[in-house]
Amino acid sequence: MFGYYLDLALRSLRRNKMLTALMVLAIALGIGASMTALTVLHVLSGDPLPDKSGSLYYVQVDPQDIKGIDPDKEPPYQVTLIDGLNLLRAARADHQALMTGGSVPVQPDQSSLDPFYVEARYTTADFFPMFDVPFLYGQGWTATEGEAKARDIVIAKSLNDKLFSGANSVGRTLRLAGVSFRVVGVLDSWQPNPHFYDLNTGSYAYGEDVFLPLQTMLQLRLDRGGSTDCWGNGGGGASGILPSDTCVWLQFWAQLDSPAKVTAYRDFLVHYSLDQKALGRFQRSPNVRLRNVMQWLDYNMVVPGDVRLQTWLAFGFLLVCLVNTVGLMLAKFMRRAGELGVRRALGASRRALFAQLLIESGVVGLVGGVGGLLLAMFGLWLVRQRPSDYAVLAHLDLSMLFTTFVLALCATLLAGLLPAWRACQIAPALQLKSN
């Protein structure tokens, strides 16, 4: 019966091409607009580490002075150097990493390449296993090498392609800021979005080309970037080592693989704060925070507000398109009252007529879905032309492709319910008498 109803639907749609085209256009416009906005929201609000985000926690403590104290105020977003090192060496988490970002000049050996700057990540050894960073060649440095201020670096695949033509460069030498470093690892393609582990340097479409030990950076006083917050007599520029007690400028992440470990680590932070207060370093009562990856992204409102607003507006436009489609379908089905009355008189049940008309609505939805997909692809292309940092990410993946057709089909079936029900209520005797 499905094939028969499908044949009837195609015949009916071909019979009144203008009305069919209007219905398809209305659905396509609504689906195109809503899927463009939904895809952008989906890309920006995605989980950067879906397998581990629930066990990775951003650590905050409050070392600030007593001035302007507010019990309900959030602790600083970052940690001081001395607190970061203390927490790191306490090793109370399964993995922990202390880090900051910056940029360093690269002096290639090739005469054909001029020196250039690359983005750098100064971090500790656990960064790579904690964030499941994939390696193409080699591996990261060890904790012992990091503490020894080793001249070891890990480089990104893009930089390896540029300098070493994609060959295995482990063991090769690379000069950064006038200092020779040994390449110990080459990353495979890896650029989590959002850039969750350091939102100060960029939220989207941002990645580092060079990774080197934090202690090495401190010894060489390499340039650093990102935000800095100081109090009291603290201060400093964007490079070199900032006062260890009065400036927060580093990020600290901890991997805690169970709820019990999360509770224990939170208690440890409270006791640490109390100990530092007893030593005279901290002046405030313990004020600590532990947020996992998604909680940290939500707290920082990483997804731009205008993207959420555009998504609501797009679905509002889809609703308007569906209302218009309901009117067009109602007009189309009621014009076929005579045909439907004859079918009822010949023994077709209301259920059969209802199924026939819904299949016709579904065909409109599928065709409209194809049109909506094309419009969504065009809309995403327009988004990619914008100067926003997230624009380059606006691509339709398989899940959104599937969602496009499901949404189009469900929307048109929903829109066809009322017209189909109204058409099935026509009394066949009145239609036969009028004809």
Protein backbone atom coordinates (compact mmCIF):
# COMPACT_ATOMS: atom_id res chain seq x y z
CA MET A 1 0.00 0.00 0.00
CA PHE A 2 2.87 2.37 0.68
CA GLY A 3 3.99 2.20 -2.94
CA TYR A 4 0.44 2.87 -4.12
CA TYR A 5 0.07 5.87 -1.81
CA LEU A 6 3.47 7.15 -2.91
CA ASP A 7 2.39 6.94 -6.54
CA LEU A 8 -0.82 8.84 -5.73
CA ALA A 9 1.21 11.48 -3.89
CA LEU A 10 3.57 12.04 -6.81
CA ARG A 11 0.64 12.30 -9.22
CA SER A 12 -1.08 14.83 -6.96
CA LEU A 13 2.06 16.93 -6.55
CA ARG A 14 2.61 17.03 -10.32
CA ARG A 15 -1.00 18.01 -10.88
CA ASN A 16 -0.61 21.44 -9.26
CA LYS A 17 3.03 22.34 -9.73
CA MET A 18 2.77 25.94 -8.55
CA LEU A 19 1.20 25.05 -5.22
CA THR A 20 3.68 22.22 -4.75
CA ALA A 21 6.58 24.56 -5.50
CA LEU A 22 5.33 27.06 -2.92
CA MET A 23 5.12 24.37 -0.23
CA VAL A 24 8.58 23.03 -1.06
CA LEU A 25 10.03 26.56 -1.06
CA ALA A 26 8.48 27.37 2.32
CA ILE A 27 9.92 24.21 3.88
CA ALA A 28 13.32 24.71 2.22
CA LEU A 29 13.64 28.28 3.45
CA GLY A 30 12.69 27.33 7.01
CA ILE A 31 14.96 24.29 7.08
CA GLY A 32 17.87 26.14 5.46
CA ALA A 33 17.77 29.01 7.95
CA SER A 34 17.29 26.80 11.02
CA MET A 35 19.97 24.27 10.05
CA THR A 36 22.50 27.01 9.29
CA ALA A 37 22.06 28.47 12.76
CA LEU A 38 21.80 25.06 14.46
CA THR A 39 24.98 23.81 12.78
CA VAL A 40 26.96 26.85 13.96
CA LEU A 41 25.61 26.37 17.50
CA HIS A 42 26.39 22.63 17.33
CA VAL A 43 29.99 23.28 16.28
CA LEU A 44 30.62 25.97 18.88
CA SER A 45 29.00 24.17 21.82
CA GLY A 46 30.51 20.76 21.12
CA ASP A 47 32.55 18.78 23.64
CA PRO A 48 36.26 19.17 22.73
CA LEU A 49 37.19 15.93 24.55
CA PRO A 50 34.03 13.80 24.69
CA ASP A 51 35.81 10.78 26.18
CA LYS A 52 37.51 12.63 29.04
CA SER A 53 35.88 16.01 29.59
CA GLY A 54 33.99 14.77 32.65
CA SER A 55 37.22 13.89 34.47
CA LEU A 56 39.29 16.99 33.63
CA TYR A 57 38.95 19.85 36.11
CA TYR A 58 40.07 23.44 36.03
CA VAL A 59 41.52 24.48 39.41
CA GLN A 60 41.00 27.88 41.07
CA VAL A 61 42.28 29.11 44.44
CA ASP A 62 42.24 32.64 45.88
CA PRO A 63 45.64 34.13 46.89
CA GLN A 64 44.54 37.78 46.65
CA ASP A 65 44.96 40.35 49.42
CA ILE A 66 42.17 41.40 51.74
CA LYS A 67 41.34 44.58 49.81
CA GLY A 68 37.86 44.55 48.26
CA ILE A 69 37.02 41.14 49.70
CA ASP A 70 33.64 39.70 48.73
CA PRO A 71 32.72 36.27 50.16
CA ASP A 72 30.62 35.45 47.10
CA LYS A 73 33.20 36.56 44.56
CA GLU A 74 34.81 34.03 42.26
CA PRO A 75 38.49 33.29 42.85
CA PRO A 76 40.92 34.43 40.12
CA TYR A 77 40.65 32.58 36.83
CA GLN A 78 44.34 31.65 36.94
CA VAL A 79 46.97 30.75 39.53
CA THR A 80 50.23 32.29 40.65
CA LEU A 81 53.52 30.64 39.81
CA ILE A 82 54.21 29.55 43.39
CA ASP A 83 50.71 28.08 43.85
CA GLY A 84 50.85 26.33 40.51
CA LEU A 85 54.18 24.72 41.36
CA ASN A 86 52.97 23.77 44.85
CA LEU A 87 49.87 22.06 43.47
CA LEU A 88 51.89 20.40 40.76
CA ARG A 89 54.46 18.94 43.15
CA ALA A 90 51.76 17.81 45.59
CA ALA A 91 50.64 15.40 42.84
CA ARG A 92 47.20 14.78 44.39
CA ALA A 93 45.50 14.16 41.00
CA ASP A 94 45.81 11.31 38.52
CA HIS A 95 47.43 13.80 36.17
CA GLN A 96 48.03 17.53 36.49
CA ALA A 97 49.39 20.21 34.20
CA LEU A 98 50.52 23.79 34.77
CA MET A 99 50.75 25.94 31.67
CA THR A 100 50.63 29.26 29.90
CA GLY A 101 50.79 30.43 26.30
CA GLY A 102 53.07 32.67 24.29
CA SER A 103 54.88 33.07 21.00
CA VAL A 104 58.47 32.36 19.99
CA PRO A 105 60.56 33.17 16.92
CA VAL A 106 61.69 30.22 14.81
CA GLN A 107 65.01 30.42 12.95
CA PRO A 108 64.88 27.74 10.23
CA ASP A 109 68.04 26.08 8.98
CA GLN A 110 66.79 26.41 5.41
CA SER A 111 68.02 29.54 3.70
CA SER A 112 64.80 29.64 1.70
CA LEU A 113 62.76 30.35 4.83
CA ASP A 114 62.87 33.61 6.75
CA PRO A 115 62.52 33.60 10.56
CA PHE A 116 58.90 33.64 11.72
CA TYR A 117 56.86 33.56 14.92
CA VAL A 118 54.75 30.62 16.05
CA GLU A 119 52.30 30.14 18.89
CA ALA A 120 53.78 28.23 21.82
CA ARG A 121 52.47 26.35 24.84
CA TYR A 122 54.70 26.25 27.92
CA THR A 123 53.51 23.33 30.00
CA THR A 124 54.42 20.30 32.09
CA ALA A 125 54.84 16.67 31.11
CA ASP A 126 51.33 15.44 31.97
CA PHE A 127 49.77 17.76 29.39
CA PHE A 128 50.02 15.15 26.64
CA PRO A 129 48.60 12.04 28.36
CA MET A 130 45.99 14.07 30.24
CA PHE A 131 44.49 15.62 27.13
CA ASP A 132 44.97 12.50 24.96
CA VAL A 133 47.18 14.41 22.54
CA PRO A 134 47.95 12.17 19.52
CA PHE A 135 51.55 11.77 18.36
CA LEU A 136 52.67 11.18 14.80
CA TYR A 137 56.31 10.65 15.78
CA GLY A 138 58.06 10.37 19.13
CA GLN A 139 56.52 11.41 22.44
CA GLY A 140 56.53 14.21 25.01
CA TRP A 141 59.25 14.92 27.55
CA THR A 142 59.21 13.31 30.99
CA ALA A 143 58.51 15.07 34.30
CA THR A 144 62.17 14.65 35.25
CA GLU A 145 63.30 16.28 32.00
CA GLY A 146 60.85 19.09 32.54
CA GLU A 147 62.14 19.79 36.05
CA ALA A 148 65.69 19.71 34.68
CA LYS A 149 64.79 22.52 32.23
CA ALA A 150 65.53 20.29 29.25
CA ARG A 151 65.84 21.88 25.81
CA ASP A 152 63.19 19.53 24.43
CA ILE A 153 60.22 20.50 22.30
CA VAL A 154 57.19 18.91 20.71
CA ILE A 155 56.05 20.45 17.43
CA ALA A 156 52.74 20.37 15.59
CA LYS A 157 52.27 18.46 12.35
CA SER A 158 51.82 21.71 10.39
CA LEU A 159 55.20 23.05 11.56
CA ASN A 160 56.86 19.69 10.89
CA ASP A 161 55.47 19.76 7.35
CA LYS A 162 56.79 23.28 6.83
CA LEU A 163 60.28 22.74 8.22
CA PHE A 164 60.96 19.04 7.60
CA SER A 165 58.62 18.23 4.69
CA GLY A 166 56.59 15.88 6.91
CA ALA A 167 59.52 13.53 7.66
CA ASN A 168 60.19 12.08 11.09
CA SER A 169 62.04 14.98 12.73
CA VAL A 170 62.54 13.38 16.17
CA GLY A 171 66.14 14.07 17.21
CA ARG A 172 66.49 17.03 14.87
CA THR A 173 67.47 20.47 16.16
CA LEU A 174 65.33 23.58 15.94
CA ARG A 175 66.33 27.09 17.01
CA LEU A 176 63.76 29.09 18.96
CA ALA A 177 64.56 32.60 20.23
CA GLY A 178 68.22 31.97 19.55
CA VAL A 179 68.34 28.72 21.56
CA SER A 180 68.74 25.23 20.11
CA PHE A 181 66.05 22.71 21.05
CA ARG A 182 65.82 18.99 20.34
CA VAL A 183 62.60 17.74 18.78
CA VAL A 184 61.32 14.83 20.88
CA GLY A 185 57.86 14.50 19.39
CA VAL A 186 55.61 15.51 16.50
CA LEU A 187 51.88 15.79 17.06
CA ASP A 188 49.33 14.35 14.71
CA SER A 189 46.49 16.65 13.66
CA TRP A 190 45.12 18.05 16.94
CA GLN A 191 43.23 21.27 17.46
CA PRO A 192 40.43 20.96 20.03
CA ASN A 193 37.57 23.41 19.61
CA PRO A 194 36.85 25.28 21.76
CA HIS A 195 40.43 25.86 22.93
CA PHE A 196 39.26 24.85 26.39
CA TYR A 197 42.54 24.51 28.28
CA ASP A 198 43.41 28.22 27.85
CA LEU A 199 40.56 30.52 26.89
CA ASN A 200 42.78 33.58 27.33
CA THR A 201 44.66 33.04 24.08
CA GLY A 202 41.61 32.27 21.94
CA SER A 203 38.40 30.27 22.10
CA TYR A 204 38.13 28.86 18.57
CA ALA A 205 40.32 27.98 15.59
CA TYR A 206 43.44 28.41 17.71
CA GLY A 207 46.29 26.01 18.11
CA GLU A 208 49.93 25.99 19.13
CA ASP A 209 52.80 24.94 16.88
CA VAL A 210 55.39 24.42 19.61
CA PHE A 211 55.19 22.85 23.08
CA LEU A 212 58.10 23.11 25.52
CA PRO A 213 58.69 22.62 29.26
CA LEU A 214 57.39 25.38 31.51
CA GLN A 215 60.59 25.37 33.60
CA THR A 216 62.63 25.89 30.43
CA MET A 217 60.48 28.89 29.53
CA LEU A 218 60.97 30.33 33.03
CA GLN A 219 64.74 29.93 32.81
CA LEU A 220 64.98 31.47 29.33
CA ARG A 221 62.35 34.14 30.11
CA LEU A 222 60.57 33.54 26.83
CA ASP A 223 57.73 35.79 25.73
CA ARG A 224 54.33 34.87 27.06
CA GLY A 225 50.83 36.01 26.19
CA GLY A 226 47.35 35.81 27.63
CA SER A 227 45.83 37.69 30.56
CA THR A 228 47.53 38.73 33.79
CA ASP A 229 45.95 39.95 37.03
CA CYS A 230 48.09 41.46 39.79
CA TRP A 231 47.43 43.14 43.14
CA GLY A 232 49.40 44.95 45.79
CA ASN A 233 52.87 45.78 44.49
CA GLY A 234 52.66 43.17 41.76
CA GLY A 235 52.87 43.98 38.11
CA GLY A 236 54.88 43.30 35.03
CA GLY A 237 54.76 43.16 31.29
CA ALA A 238 53.64 40.41 29.00
CA SER A 239 57.03 38.72 29.00
CA GLY A 240 59.45 37.27 31.47
CA ILE A 241 58.67 35.94 34.95
CA LEU A 242 55.97 37.76 36.91
CA PRO A 243 56.00 38.03 40.73
CA SER A 244 55.21 34.60 42.08
CA ASP A 245 52.98 35.78 44.94
CA THR A 246 51.04 38.74 43.55
CA CYS A 247 50.16 37.90 39.93
CA VAL A 248 47.97 35.15 38.49
CA TRP A 249 48.91 34.17 34.95
CA LEU A 250 49.01 30.37 34.68
CA GLN A 251 46.34 27.71 34.13
CA PHE A 252 46.18 24.56 36.22
CA TRP A 253 44.26 21.43 35.17
CA ALA A 254 43.80 18.22 37.12
CA GLN A 255 42.52 14.84 36.00
CA LEU A 256 40.29 13.20 38.62
CA ASP A 257 38.89 9.86 37.50
CA SER A 258 36.13 9.37 40.10
CA PRO A 259 33.66 11.45 42.14
CA ALA A 260 35.48 10.43 45.31
CA LYS A 261 38.73 11.83 43.93
CA VAL A 262 36.97 15.08 43.03
CA THR A 263 35.71 15.45 46.60
CA ALA A 264 39.12 14.59 48.03
CA TYR A 265 40.87 17.08 45.75
CA ARG A 266 38.43 19.85 46.65
CA ASP A 267 39.15 19.16 50.32
CA PHE A 268 42.87 19.23 49.56
CA LEU A 269 42.49 22.70 47.96
CA VAL A 270 40.64 23.97 51.04
CA HIS A 271 43.37 22.62 53.36
CA TYR A 272 46.04 24.05 51.08
CA SER A 273 44.40 27.47 51.29
CA LEU A 274 44.23 27.22 55.08
CA ASP A 275 47.92 26.25 55.26
CA GLN A 276 48.91 29.17 53.03
CA LYS A 277 46.82 31.52 55.17
CA ALA A 278 48.58 30.26 58.29
CA LEU A 279 51.91 30.97 56.58
CA GLY A 280 50.76 34.53 55.86
CA ARG A 281 50.58 34.18 52.06
CA PHE A 282 46.79 33.99 51.76
CA GLN A 283 44.73 36.64 53.50
CA ARG A 284 41.26 35.41 52.58
CA SER A 285 39.27 32.41 53.75
CA PRO A 286 39.45 29.36 51.46
CA ASN A 287 37.74 30.12 48.16
CA VAL A 288 38.25 27.30 45.68
CA ARG A 289 36.52 26.04 42.56
CA LEU A 290 36.67 22.81 40.54
CA ARG A 291 34.86 22.74 37.21
CA ASN A 292 35.09 20.07 34.55
CA VAL A 293 35.59 20.98 30.90
CA MET A 294 31.96 21.56 29.94
CA GLN A 295 31.19 23.38 33.19
CA TRP A 296 34.20 25.62 32.60
CA LEU A 297 33.07 26.40 29.06
CA ASP A 298 29.52 27.13 30.23
CA TYR A 299 30.75 29.35 33.06
CA ASN A 300 32.84 31.38 30.63
CA MET A 301 29.95 31.59 28.15
CA VAL A 302 32.25 30.53 25.34
CA VAL A 303 29.39 30.23 22.84
CA PRO A 304 28.69 33.80 21.63
CA GLY A 305 25.30 35.12 22.72
CA ASP A 306 24.40 36.25 19.20
CA VAL A 307 24.73 32.65 17.97
CA ARG A 308 22.09 31.44 20.45
CA LEU A 309 19.83 34.36 19.53
CA GLN A 310 20.22 33.64 15.81
CA THR A 311 19.28 30.00 16.44
CA TRP A 312 16.06 30.97 18.21
CA LEU A 313 15.21 33.45 15.46
CA ALA A 314 15.88 30.84 12.79
CA PHE A 315 13.55 28.33 14.42
CA GLY A 316 10.96 31.09 14.79
CA PHE A 317 11.26 31.60 11.04
CA LEU A 318 10.83 27.85 10.52
CA LEU A 319 7.61 28.01 12.55
CA VAL A 320 6.32 30.81 10.32
CA CYS A 321 7.17 28.72 7.26
CA LEU A 322 5.31 25.73 8.73
CA VAL A 323 2.20 27.83 9.38
CA ASN A 324 2.25 28.93 5.75
CA THR A 325 2.75 25.33 4.68
CA VAL A 326 -0.28 24.27 6.74
CA GLY A 327 -2.40 26.84 4.90
CA LEU A 328 -1.14 25.72 1.50
CA MET A 329 -1.71 22.04 2.29
CA LEU A 330 -5.18 22.76 3.63
CA ALA A 331 -6.07 24.58 0.42
CA LYS A 332 -4.62 21.78 -1.70
CA PHE A 333 -6.35 18.94 0.17
CA MET A 334 -9.73 20.68 0.35
CA ARG A 335 -9.66 21.27 -3.43
CA ARG A 336 -9.50 17.49 -3.79
CA ALA A 337 -12.66 16.96 -1.77
CA GLY A 338 -14.46 15.37 -4.72
CA GLU A 339 -11.68 12.86 -5.36
CA LEU A 340 -11.43 11.98 -1.69
CA GLY A 341 -15.23 11.64 -1.43
CA VAL A 342 -15.30 9.17 -4.32
CA ARG A 343 -12.56 7.10 -2.67
CA ARG A 344 -14.52 7.05 0.56
CA ALA A 345 -17.67 5.97 -1.29
CA LEU A 346 -15.76 3.15 -2.95
CA GLY A 347 -14.79 1.77 0.45
CA ALA A 348 -11.56 3.56 1.45
CA SER A 349 -11.42 4.18 5.20
CA ARG A 350 -10.60 7.49 6.79
CA ARG A 351 -7.40 5.94 8.09
CA ALA A 352 -6.36 5.03 4.53
CA LEU A 353 -7.05 8.55 3.27
CA PHE A 354 -5.18 10.02 6.24
CA ALA A 355 -2.14 7.83 5.50
CA GLN A 356 -2.26 8.79 1.82
CA LEU A 357 -2.28 12.51 2.60
CA LEU A 358 0.50 12.19 5.19
CA ILE A 359 2.68 10.36 2.68
CA GLU A 360 2.08 13.23 0.30
CA SER A 361 3.17 15.63 3.06
CA GLY A 362 6.27 13.51 3.66
CA VAL A 363 7.25 13.71 -0.01
CA VAL A 364 7.00 17.49 0.20
CA GLY A 365 9.19 17.36 3.31
CA LEU A 366 11.88 15.24 1.66
CA VAL A 367 12.05 17.50 -1.40
CA GLY A 368 12.03 20.53 0.88
CA GLY A 369 14.80 18.91 2.91
CA VAL A 370 17.01 18.66 -0.18
CA GLY A 371 16.36 22.33 -0.90
CA GLY A 372 16.96 23.19 2.74
CA LEU A 373 20.26 21.30 2.69
CA LEU A 374 21.46 23.30 -0.29
CA LEU A 375 20.39 26.55 1.35
CA ALA A 376 22.10 25.51 4.62
CA MET A 377 25.34 24.79 2.78
CA PHE A 378 25.12 28.21 1.15
CA GLY A 379 24.36 29.81 4.52
CA LEU A 380 27.37 28.13 6.14
CA TRP A 381 29.55 29.32 3.29
CA LEU A 382 28.40 32.87 4.04
CA VAL A 383 29.21 32.34 7.73
CA ARG A 384 32.75 31.25 6.80
CA GLN A 385 33.27 34.58 5.05
CA ARG A 386 32.82 36.44 8.33
CA PRO A 387 35.90 37.68 10.22
CA SER A 388 34.90 35.81 13.42
CA ASP A 389 37.39 33.36 14.94
CA TYR A 390 34.80 30.56 14.80
CA ALA A 391 33.72 31.18 11.19
CA VAL A 392 36.17 28.64 9.75
CA LEU A 393 34.50 25.87 11.79
CA ALA A 394 31.09 26.29 10.16
CA HIS A 395 30.81 23.01 8.26
CA LEU A 396 27.95 20.51 7.98
CA ASP A 397 28.93 17.16 9.48
CA LEU A 398 27.12 13.83 9.09
CA SER A 399 25.03 14.28 12.22
CA MET A 400 23.76 17.65 11.00
CA LEU A 401 23.14 16.22 7.53
CA PHE A 402 20.94 13.52 9.06
CA THR A 403 19.24 16.10 11.29
CA THR A 404 18.37 18.20 8.25
CA PHE A 405 16.26 15.48 6.65
CA VAL A 406 14.74 14.30 9.92
CA LEU A 407 13.72 17.86 10.79
CA ALA A 408 12.30 18.48 7.31
CA LEU A 409 10.31 15.22 7.34
CA CYS A 410 8.99 15.66 10.89
CA ALA A 411 8.11 19.31 10.29
CA THR A 412 6.08 18.62 7.15
CA LEU A 413 4.35 15.60 8.68
CA LEU A 414 3.40 17.80 11.62
CA ALA A 415 2.24 20.52 9.26
CA GLY A 416 0.18 17.98 7.31
CA LEU A 417 -1.71 16.59 10.32
CA LEU A 418 -4.43 19.25 10.45
CA PRO A 419 -5.03 19.51 6.67
CA ALA A 420 -5.15 15.70 6.36
CA TRP A 421 -7.54 15.36 9.30
CA ARG A 422 -9.82 18.09 7.93
CA ALA A 423 -9.86 16.49 4.47
CA CYS A 424 -10.79 13.11 5.97
CA GLN A 425 -13.84 14.58 7.69
CA ILE A 426 -15.58 15.35 4.37
CA ALA A 427 -18.88 13.47 4.08
CA PRO A 428 -18.70 11.33 0.89
CA ALA A 429 -22.46 11.59 0.30
CA LEU A 430 -22.30 15.39 0.03
CA GLN A 431 -19.45 15.20 -2.47
CA LEU A 432 -21.19 12.57 -4.60
CA LYS A 433 -24.41 14.61 -4.54
CA SER A 434 -22.62 17.81 -5.55
CA ASN A 435 -20.88 16.03 -8.40
